[in-house]
Amino acid sequence: MKTFKETYEGFKNDKTDAEIADRANLSRTTLAHLIQESIRAKRNLLWSLCFALELNLPQSKELFSSASLCMDSSYHLTDQEKEREKFLRECILKEDYNVAKLNGELAEKGYQLLGNKKKNSQ
């Protein structure tokens, strides 16, 4: 099985880490720590990366798996978190990858926003 770093590098194509961090609404420091695997990836950060990297569902599952998480596992999620993840899956299926736009919709629904920046820079 590939490491998280190997999987991420395989999906980033011609994008720079800085560009991906900005698109994902992540601080560059957080992304660097994720790539170096010096912090454990959390679901929200992985969802953010899935959108920034414009991954389809199988690729998204691969990214989650490389971080030792199962995208389909929801037994530990609250009902609201399950609804949020269903919404995120639907966005991926529609190829709606704009994190700033999605964060607006997530905020309207009262869900946790993607990324870890206080303000969306997009």
Protein backbone atom coordinates (compact mmCIF):
# COMPACT_ATOMS: atom_id res chain seq x y z
CA MET A 1 0.00 0.00 0.00
CA LYS A 2 1.24 3.47 -0.85
CA THR A 3 1.98 6.00 1.85
CA PHE A 4 -0.10 9.14 2.12
CA LYS A 5 2.75 11.16 0.63
CA GLU A 6 3.06 8.82 -2.37
CA THR A 7 -0.68 8.86 -2.97
CA TYR A 8 -0.89 12.64 -2.66
CA GLU A 9 2.09 13.14 -4.99
CA GLY A 10 0.47 10.84 -7.55
CA PHE A 11 -2.72 12.92 -7.56
CA LYS A 12 -1.30 16.44 -7.54
CA ASN A 13 -0.31 16.45 -11.23
CA ASP A 14 1.17 19.83 -12.21
CA LYS A 15 -0.22 21.71 -9.22
CA THR A 16 2.15 23.13 -6.60
CA ASP A 17 1.66 22.42 -2.91
CA ALA A 18 0.96 26.13 -2.37
CA GLU A 19 -1.76 26.09 -5.03
CA ILE A 20 -3.32 22.97 -3.54
CA ALA A 21 -3.24 24.43 -0.03
CA ASP A 22 -4.96 27.59 -1.25
CA ARG A 23 -7.58 25.64 -3.22
CA ALA A 24 -8.21 23.36 -0.22
CA ASN A 25 -8.54 26.28 2.21
CA LEU A 26 -5.66 24.78 4.21
CA SER A 27 -2.72 26.57 5.70
CA ARG A 28 0.49 25.72 3.87
CA THR A 29 1.97 24.58 7.17
CA THR A 30 -0.84 22.08 7.70
CA LEU A 31 -0.41 20.70 4.19
CA ALA A 32 3.35 20.39 4.68
CA HIS A 33 2.80 18.48 7.94
CA LEU A 34 0.28 16.18 6.24
CA ILE A 35 2.69 15.44 3.39
CA GLN A 36 5.54 14.78 5.82
CA GLU A 37 3.09 12.65 7.82
CA SER A 38 4.10 14.50 10.98
CA ILE A 39 0.43 15.01 11.85
CA ARG A 40 -2.39 12.53 11.47
CA ALA A 41 -4.79 13.37 8.67
CA LYS A 42 -8.33 14.05 9.80
CA ARG A 43 -11.44 13.57 7.72
CA ASN A 44 -12.08 17.27 7.14
CA LEU A 45 -8.54 17.87 5.87
CA LEU A 46 -8.80 14.88 3.54
CA TRP A 47 -12.14 16.06 2.16
CA SER A 48 -10.55 19.45 1.51
CA LEU A 49 -7.71 17.81 -0.39
CA CYS A 50 -10.11 15.67 -2.42
CA PHE A 51 -11.76 18.84 -3.70
CA ALA A 52 -8.50 20.74 -4.26
CA LEU A 53 -7.06 17.80 -6.20
CA GLU A 54 -10.36 17.34 -8.08
CA LEU A 55 -10.52 13.64 -7.25
CA ASN A 56 -13.37 11.35 -8.21
CA LEU A 57 -14.89 9.03 -5.58
CA PRO A 58 -12.53 6.04 -6.13
CA GLN A 59 -9.52 8.37 -5.99
CA SER A 60 -10.92 10.04 -2.88
CA LYS A 61 -11.31 6.64 -1.21
CA GLU A 62 -7.70 5.87 -2.12
CA LEU A 63 -6.51 9.13 -0.53
CA PHE A 64 -8.48 8.37 2.66
CA SER A 65 -7.15 4.82 2.73
CA SER A 66 -3.55 6.01 2.37
CA ALA A 67 -4.14 8.04 5.56
CA SER A 68 -5.47 4.91 7.31
CA LEU A 69 -9.06 6.13 7.21
CA CYS A 70 -12.09 4.62 5.52
CA MET A 71 -14.14 7.17 3.62
CA ASP A 72 -17.23 4.94 3.82
CA SER A 73 -16.98 4.28 7.56
CA SER A 74 -19.57 6.38 9.34
CA TYR A 75 -20.39 4.46 12.51
CA HIS A 76 -18.52 7.03 14.61
CA LEU A 77 -20.02 10.09 12.91
CA THR A 78 -22.94 12.10 14.22
CA ASP A 79 -26.08 12.33 12.09
CA GLN A 80 -25.09 15.86 11.05
CA GLU A 81 -21.61 14.67 10.02
CA LYS A 82 -23.16 11.85 7.99
CA GLU A 83 -25.43 14.33 6.19
CA ARG A 84 -22.43 16.59 5.52
CA GLU A 85 -20.40 13.73 4.06
CA LYS A 86 -23.33 12.67 1.88
CA PHE A 87 -23.47 16.24 0.56
CA LEU A 88 -19.70 16.21 -0.10
CA ARG A 89 -19.94 12.90 -2.00
CA GLU A 90 -22.73 14.34 -4.13
CA CYS A 91 -20.55 17.37 -4.93
CA ILE A 92 -17.73 15.09 -6.05
CA LEU A 93 -20.12 13.12 -8.25
CA LYS A 94 -21.22 16.43 -9.84
CA GLU A 95 -17.54 17.45 -10.17
CA ASP A 96 -18.29 20.58 -8.15
CA TYR A 97 -14.79 21.19 -6.73
CA ASN A 98 -14.86 24.88 -5.74
CA VAL A 99 -14.11 24.87 -2.00
CA ALA A 100 -15.08 28.53 -1.50
CA LYS A 101 -18.50 27.90 -3.06
CA LEU A 102 -18.96 24.66 -1.15
CA ASN A 103 -18.04 26.35 2.12
CA GLY A 104 -20.80 28.88 1.49
CA GLU A 105 -23.28 26.04 1.02
CA LEU A 106 -21.92 24.17 4.05
CA ALA A 107 -22.27 27.31 6.19
CA GLU A 108 -25.89 27.75 5.06
CA LYS A 109 -26.62 24.17 6.16
CA GLY A 110 -24.82 24.65 9.48
CA TYR A 111 -22.08 22.14 8.66
CA GLN A 112 -18.36 22.28 9.37
CA LEU A 113 -16.46 24.12 6.64
CA LEU A 114 -13.74 22.52 4.54
CA GLY A 115 -10.15 23.39 5.38
CA ASN A 116 -8.62 24.97 8.43
CA LYS A 117 -8.24 28.64 7.52
CA LYS A 118 -10.51 31.05 9.35
CA LYS A 119 -11.38 32.91 6.17
CA ASN A 120 -11.73 31.37 2.76
CA SER A 121 -9.06 32.91 0.52
CA GLN A 122 -10.75 31.98 -2.74
